[in-house]
Amino acid sequence: MKKIMILNASPRADGACSEAVYIFEDCLNDKDFELVKYDLYDLNPAPCKDCGYCRVKNGCSVKDLDLFFADFELAEYIVVFSPIYNNFFTGPMKNLIDRFQRYYSARFFRNIKPPIEIPKRVGVFICSGTDDKNSFNYMCETLRQSFTVLNGKIVSKFYLPSTDTNKSEISKNDIEIFMDNLI
């Protein structure tokens, strides 16, 4: 059974991202996947301190994400759901991206190629309170760069604008198309 990991970077259980996650999970029910879901505000990743531990050893000196990284390494599919906060990811998602330093160090300091064996197909679902796609494009480019080192490739993207004014609605059809591009 293939493993799919959902990363929900929204703090709101009733927000647009969480609604999209719920619909995505519902669409996944009839498919043969093992689902692992992390709500990043609950996970609360500590920031990277650039202590240098991962330059010489496997892992991270901060142990709060050990279980997460074990799941992450085994997942074939990663799906990121995030709102836009100040033109970028929320704080916990930014901390998580920074904590991927352990894999960058494995690749560039310890010469482990690839630092994660299992390739990942990545989906990015971004909700925006306004209608400015520049932040969405920047966020996708940030993840593209990160996942290149992490043996991953973004294969599905979705942008939902104007969530603050409720002008946009999430349809099951949109989620199904997003999922079809992913898997």
C-alpha atoms as a PDB file:
ATOM      1  CA  MET A   1       0.000   0.000   0.000  1.00  0.00           C
ATOM      2  CA  LYS A   2       1.367   3.416  -0.949  1.00  0.00           C
ATOM      3  CA  LYS A   3       1.740   6.073   1.719  1.00  0.00           C
ATOM      4  CA  ILE A   4       0.370   9.573   1.272  1.00  0.00           C
ATOM      5  CA  MET A   5       1.187  12.340   3.739  1.00  0.00           C
ATOM      6  CA  ILE A   6      -0.982  15.402   4.221  1.00  0.00           C
ATOM      7  CA  LEU A   7       0.598  18.509   5.715  1.00  0.00           C
ATOM      8  CA  ASN A   8      -2.055  20.957   6.885  1.00  0.00           C
ATOM      9  CA  ALA A   9      -0.347  24.280   7.569  1.00  0.00           C
ATOM     10  CA  SER A  10      -3.524  26.115   8.564  1.00  0.00           C
ATOM     11  CA  PRO A  11      -4.256  27.083  12.175  1.00  0.00           C
ATOM     12  CA  ARG A  12      -8.008  27.103  11.555  1.00  0.00           C
ATOM     13  CA  ALA A  13     -10.008  23.895  11.860  1.00  0.00           C
ATOM     14  CA  ASP A  14     -12.906  25.555  10.032  1.00  0.00           C
ATOM     15  CA  GLY A  15     -10.918  27.437   7.375  1.00  0.00           C
ATOM     16  CA  ALA A  16     -10.663  26.922   3.631  1.00  0.00           C
ATOM     17  CA  CYS A  17      -7.500  24.783   3.855  1.00  0.00           C
ATOM     18  CA  SER A  18      -9.023  22.478   6.439  1.00  0.00           C
ATOM     19  CA  GLU A  19     -12.158  22.147   4.300  1.00  0.00           C
ATOM     20  CA  ALA A  20      -9.949  21.227   1.325  1.00  0.00           C
ATOM     21  CA  VAL A  21      -8.124  18.641   3.468  1.00  0.00           C
ATOM     22  CA  TYR A  22     -11.464  17.138   4.525  1.00  0.00           C
ATOM     23  CA  ILE A  23     -12.657  16.864   0.898  1.00  0.00           C
ATOM     24  CA  PHE A  24      -9.278  15.429  -0.159  1.00  0.00           C
ATOM     25  CA  GLU A  25      -9.479  12.778   2.588  1.00  0.00           C
ATOM     26  CA  ASP A  26     -13.031  11.935   1.516  1.00  0.00           C
ATOM     27  CA  CYS A  27     -11.904  11.510  -2.114  1.00  0.00           C
ATOM     28  CA  LEU A  28      -9.064   9.291  -0.908  1.00  0.00           C
ATOM     29  CA  ASN A  29     -11.391   6.878   0.909  1.00  0.00           C
ATOM     30  CA  ASP A  30     -12.003   4.643  -2.118  1.00  0.00           C
ATOM     31  CA  LYS A  31      -8.327   4.487  -3.059  1.00  0.00           C
ATOM     32  CA  ASP A  32      -5.711   2.067  -1.761  1.00  0.00           C
ATOM     33  CA  PHE A  33      -3.475   4.404   0.274  1.00  0.00           C
ATOM     34  CA  GLU A  34      -2.138   4.550   3.782  1.00  0.00           C
ATOM     35  CA  LEU A  35      -2.872   8.084   4.965  1.00  0.00           C
ATOM     36  CA  VAL A  36      -0.666   9.965   7.411  1.00  0.00           C
ATOM     37  CA  LYS A  37      -1.803  13.472   8.324  1.00  0.00           C
ATOM     38  CA  TYR A  38       0.019  16.173  10.224  1.00  0.00           C
ATOM     39  CA  ASP A  39      -1.595  19.402  11.366  1.00  0.00           C
ATOM     40  CA  LEU A  40       1.485  21.562  11.588  1.00  0.00           C
ATOM     41  CA  TYR A  41       0.140  23.841  14.323  1.00  0.00           C
ATOM     42  CA  ASP A  42      -0.292  20.731  16.490  1.00  0.00           C
ATOM     43  CA  LEU A  43       3.085  19.337  15.420  1.00  0.00           C
ATOM     44  CA  ASN A  44       4.633  22.724  16.252  1.00  0.00           C
ATOM     45  CA  PRO A  45       8.076  22.214  14.678  1.00  0.00           C
ATOM     46  CA  ALA A  46      10.871  24.039  16.447  1.00  0.00           C
ATOM     47  CA  PRO A  47      12.931  26.321  14.206  1.00  0.00           C
ATOM     48  CA  CYS A  48      16.269  25.194  12.813  1.00  0.00           C
ATOM     49  CA  LYS A  49      19.120  26.592  14.931  1.00  0.00           C
ATOM     50  CA  ASP A  50      21.821  25.900  12.318  1.00  0.00           C
ATOM     51  CA  CYS A  51      23.798  24.078  15.005  1.00  0.00           C
ATOM     52  CA  GLY A  52      25.710  22.007  12.437  1.00  0.00           C
ATOM     53  CA  TYR A  53      24.744  18.602  13.898  1.00  0.00           C
ATOM     54  CA  CYS A  54      23.325  17.366  10.566  1.00  0.00           C
ATOM     55  CA  ARG A  55      26.484  18.334   8.706  1.00  0.00           C
ATOM     56  CA  VAL A  56      28.328  15.476  10.374  1.00  0.00           C
ATOM     57  CA  LYS A  57      25.573  13.117  11.608  1.00  0.00           C
ATOM     58  CA  ASN A  58      22.324  11.711  10.315  1.00  0.00           C
ATOM     59  CA  GLY A  59      19.300  13.409  11.832  1.00  0.00           C
ATOM     60  CA  CYS A  60      18.804  16.547  13.862  1.00  0.00           C
ATOM     61  CA  SER A  61      19.931  17.607  17.318  1.00  0.00           C
ATOM     62  CA  VAL A  62      16.345  18.696  18.040  1.00  0.00           C
ATOM     63  CA  LYS A  63      14.266  15.528  18.392  1.00  0.00           C
ATOM     64  CA  ASP A  64      10.711  16.930  18.152  1.00  0.00           C
ATOM     65  CA  LEU A  65      10.251  15.771  14.543  1.00  0.00           C
ATOM     66  CA  ASP A  66      11.806  12.283  14.641  1.00  0.00           C
ATOM     67  CA  LEU A  67       8.467  10.489  14.112  1.00  0.00           C
ATOM     68  CA  PHE A  68       7.457  12.985  11.433  1.00  0.00           C
ATOM     69  CA  PHE A  69      10.702  12.498   9.499  1.00  0.00           C
ATOM     70  CA  ALA A  70      10.339   8.696   9.683  1.00  0.00           C
ATOM     71  CA  ASP A  71       6.868   9.009   8.117  1.00  0.00           C
ATOM     72  CA  PHE A  72       8.085  11.614   5.627  1.00  0.00           C
ATOM     73  CA  GLU A  73      10.895   9.412   4.348  1.00  0.00           C
ATOM     74  CA  LEU A  74       8.489   6.510   3.710  1.00  0.00           C
ATOM     75  CA  ALA A  75       5.785   8.540   1.948  1.00  0.00           C
ATOM     76  CA  GLU A  76       5.491   8.362  -1.830  1.00  0.00           C
ATOM     77  CA  TYR A  77       3.070  11.297  -1.950  1.00  0.00           C
ATOM     78  CA  ILE A  78       3.220  14.565  -0.018  1.00  0.00           C
ATOM     79  CA  VAL A  79       0.328  17.037  -0.125  1.00  0.00           C
ATOM     80  CA  VAL A  80       0.796  20.522   1.321  1.00  0.00           C
ATOM     81  CA  PHE A  81      -2.301  22.562   2.202  1.00  0.00           C
ATOM     82  CA  SER A  82      -1.455  26.092   3.294  1.00  0.00           C
ATOM     83  CA  PRO A  83      -2.964  29.540   3.553  1.00  0.00           C
ATOM     84  CA  ILE A  84      -0.880  32.543   2.617  1.00  0.00           C
ATOM     85  CA  TYR A  85       0.287  34.599   5.607  1.00  0.00           C
ATOM     86  CA  ASN A  86       2.164  37.801   4.791  1.00  0.00           C
ATOM     87  CA  ASN A  87       2.902  36.563   1.267  1.00  0.00           C
ATOM     88  CA  PHE A  88       4.335  33.210   2.384  1.00  0.00           C
ATOM     89  CA  PHE A  89       3.707  30.039   4.351  1.00  0.00           C
ATOM     90  CA  THR A  90       2.510  30.030   7.935  1.00  0.00           C
ATOM     91  CA  GLY A  91       5.144  29.925  10.693  1.00  0.00           C
ATOM     92  CA  PRO A  92       4.986  26.159  11.349  1.00  0.00           C
ATOM     93  CA  MET A  93       5.333  25.379   7.642  1.00  0.00           C
ATOM     94  CA  LYS A  94       8.295  27.727   7.364  1.00  0.00           C
ATOM     95  CA  ASN A  95       9.904  26.028  10.378  1.00  0.00           C
ATOM     96  CA  LEU A  96       9.329  22.636   8.780  1.00  0.00           C
ATOM     97  CA  ILE A  97      10.929  23.749   5.507  1.00  0.00           C
ATOM     98  CA  ASP A  98      13.930  25.038   7.472  1.00  0.00           C
ATOM     99  CA  ARG A  99      14.176  21.741   9.343  1.00  0.00           C
ATOM    100  CA  PHE A 100      14.642  19.954   6.013  1.00  0.00           C
ATOM    101  CA  GLN A 101      18.205  21.230   6.493  1.00  0.00           C
ATOM    102  CA  ARG A 102      19.078  17.739   7.751  1.00  0.00           C
ATOM    103  CA  TYR A 103      18.527  16.441   4.200  1.00  0.00           C
ATOM    104  CA  TYR A 104      20.335  19.339   2.512  1.00  0.00           C
ATOM    105  CA  SER A 105      23.301  18.697   4.783  1.00  0.00           C
ATOM    106  CA  ALA A 106      23.179  14.973   4.000  1.00  0.00           C
ATOM    107  CA  ARG A 107      23.280  15.814   0.292  1.00  0.00           C
ATOM    108  CA  PHE A 108      25.782  18.649   0.209  1.00  0.00           C
ATOM    109  CA  PHE A 109      28.030  18.063   3.240  1.00  0.00           C
ATOM    110  CA  ARG A 110      27.935  14.277   3.598  1.00  0.00           C
ATOM    111  CA  ASN A 111      27.465  13.542  -0.133  1.00  0.00           C
ATOM    112  CA  ILE A 112      24.447  11.232   0.280  1.00  0.00           C
ATOM    113  CA  LYS A 113      22.637  11.147  -3.076  1.00  0.00           C
ATOM    114  CA  PRO A 114      19.680  11.182  -2.792  1.00  0.00           C
ATOM    115  CA  PRO A 115      19.291  11.945   0.917  1.00  0.00           C
ATOM    116  CA  ILE A 116      15.839  10.317   0.815  1.00  0.00           C
ATOM    117  CA  GLU A 117      15.521   7.056  -1.134  1.00  0.00           C
ATOM    118  CA  ILE A 118      11.809   7.001  -1.901  1.00  0.00           C
ATOM    119  CA  PRO A 119      10.839   9.501  -4.620  1.00  0.00           C
ATOM    120  CA  LYS A 120       7.930  11.787  -3.789  1.00  0.00           C
ATOM    121  CA  ARG A 121       5.142  13.182  -5.914  1.00  0.00           C
ATOM    122  CA  VAL A 122       4.111  16.478  -4.363  1.00  0.00           C
ATOM    123  CA  GLY A 123       0.835  18.384  -4.454  1.00  0.00           C
ATOM    124  CA  VAL A 124       0.542  22.016  -3.353  1.00  0.00           C
ATOM    125  CA  PHE A 125      -2.846  23.505  -2.452  1.00  0.00           C
ATOM    126  CA  ILE A 126      -2.699  27.183  -1.485  1.00  0.00           C
ATOM    127  CA  CYS A 127      -5.566  29.311  -0.167  1.00  0.00           C
ATOM    128  CA  SER A 128      -5.334  33.081  -0.359  1.00  0.00           C
ATOM    129  CA  GLY A 129      -7.470  35.693   1.337  1.00  0.00           C
ATOM    130  CA  THR A 130      -6.896  37.988  -1.620  1.00  0.00           C
ATOM    131  CA  ASP A 131      -6.492  37.436  -5.334  1.00  0.00           C
ATOM    132  CA  ASP A 132      -2.737  37.817  -5.799  1.00  0.00           C
ATOM    133  CA  LYS A 133      -1.156  34.819  -7.476  1.00  0.00           C
ATOM    134  CA  ASN A 134       2.426  36.135  -7.053  1.00  0.00           C
ATOM    135  CA  SER A 135       2.689  34.714  -3.529  1.00  0.00           C
ATOM    136  CA  PHE A 136       1.329  31.360  -4.715  1.00  0.00           C
ATOM    137  CA  ASN A 137       3.964  31.204  -7.456  1.00  0.00           C
ATOM    138  CA  TYR A 138       6.729  32.149  -5.005  1.00  0.00           C
ATOM    139  CA  MET A 139       5.589  29.510  -2.499  1.00  0.00           C
ATOM    140  CA  CYS A 140       5.477  26.830  -5.207  1.00  0.00           C
ATOM    141  CA  GLU A 141       8.968  27.791  -6.347  1.00  0.00           C
ATOM    142  CA  THR A 142      10.242  27.556  -2.765  1.00  0.00           C
ATOM    143  CA  LEU A 143       8.797  24.050  -2.446  1.00  0.00           C
ATOM    144  CA  ARG A 144      10.114  23.069  -5.885  1.00  0.00           C
ATOM    145  CA  GLN A 145      13.634  23.989  -4.807  1.00  0.00           C
ATOM    146  CA  SER A 146      13.253  22.200  -1.473  1.00  0.00           C
ATOM    147  CA  PHE A 147      11.774  19.023  -2.901  1.00  0.00           C
ATOM    148  CA  THR A 148      14.398  18.808  -5.639  1.00  0.00           C
ATOM    149  CA  VAL A 149      16.902  17.961  -2.895  1.00  0.00           C
ATOM    150  CA  LEU A 150      14.328  15.791  -1.074  1.00  0.00           C
ATOM    151  CA  ASN A 151      13.868  13.487  -4.108  1.00  0.00           C
ATOM    152  CA  GLY A 152      10.481  15.000  -4.829  1.00  0.00           C
ATOM    153  CA  LYS A 153       8.726  16.717  -7.684  1.00  0.00           C
ATOM    154  CA  ILE A 154       5.680  18.976  -7.632  1.00  0.00           C
ATOM    155  CA  VAL A 155       3.143  17.383  -9.973  1.00  0.00           C
ATOM    156  CA  SER A 156      -0.085  19.057  -8.878  1.00  0.00           C
ATOM    157  CA  LYS A 157      -0.860  22.648  -7.874  1.00  0.00           C
ATOM    158  CA  PHE A 158      -4.066  24.428  -6.962  1.00  0.00           C
ATOM    159  CA  TYR A 159      -4.652  28.061  -6.046  1.00  0.00           C
ATOM    160  CA  LEU A 160      -7.844  29.143  -4.272  1.00  0.00           C
ATOM    161  CA  PRO A 161      -8.095  32.970  -4.166  1.00  0.00           C
ATOM    162  CA  SER A 162     -10.380  35.353  -2.288  1.00  0.00           C
ATOM    163  CA  THR A 163     -11.139  33.142   0.707  1.00  0.00           C
ATOM    164  CA  ASP A 164     -11.428  36.156   3.037  1.00  0.00           C
ATOM    165  CA  THR A 165     -14.444  37.425   1.099  1.00  0.00           C
ATOM    166  CA  ASN A 166     -15.934  33.959   0.510  1.00  0.00           C
ATOM    167  CA  LYS A 167     -15.913  34.585  -3.248  1.00  0.00           C
ATOM    168  CA  SER A 168     -14.242  31.228  -3.819  1.00  0.00           C
ATOM    169  CA  GLU A 169     -15.678  27.853  -3.002  1.00  0.00           C
ATOM    170  CA  ILE A 170     -13.880  24.552  -2.909  1.00  0.00           C
ATOM    171  CA  SER A 171     -15.562  21.980  -5.089  1.00  0.00           C
ATOM    172  CA  LYS A 172     -15.132  18.241  -4.856  1.00  0.00           C
ATOM    173  CA  ASN A 173     -14.470  18.274  -8.604  1.00  0.00           C
ATOM    174  CA  ASP A 174     -11.516  20.664  -8.135  1.00  0.00           C
ATOM    175  CA  ILE A 175     -10.077  18.406  -5.434  1.00  0.00           C
ATOM    176  CA  GLU A 176     -10.555  15.314  -7.618  1.00  0.00           C
ATOM    177  CA  ILE A 177      -8.653  16.971 -10.495  1.00  0.00           C
ATOM    178  CA  PHE A 178      -5.926  18.043  -8.068  1.00  0.00           C
ATOM    179  CA  MET A 179      -5.741  14.445  -6.748  1.00  0.00           C
ATOM    180  CA  ASP A 180      -5.732  12.915 -10.234  1.00  0.00           C
ATOM    181  CA  ASN A 181      -2.722  15.049 -11.163  1.00  0.00           C
ATOM    182  CA  LEU A 182      -0.990  13.919  -7.975  1.00  0.00           C
ATOM    183  CA  ILE A 183      -1.588  10.180  -8.147  1.00  0.00           C
END
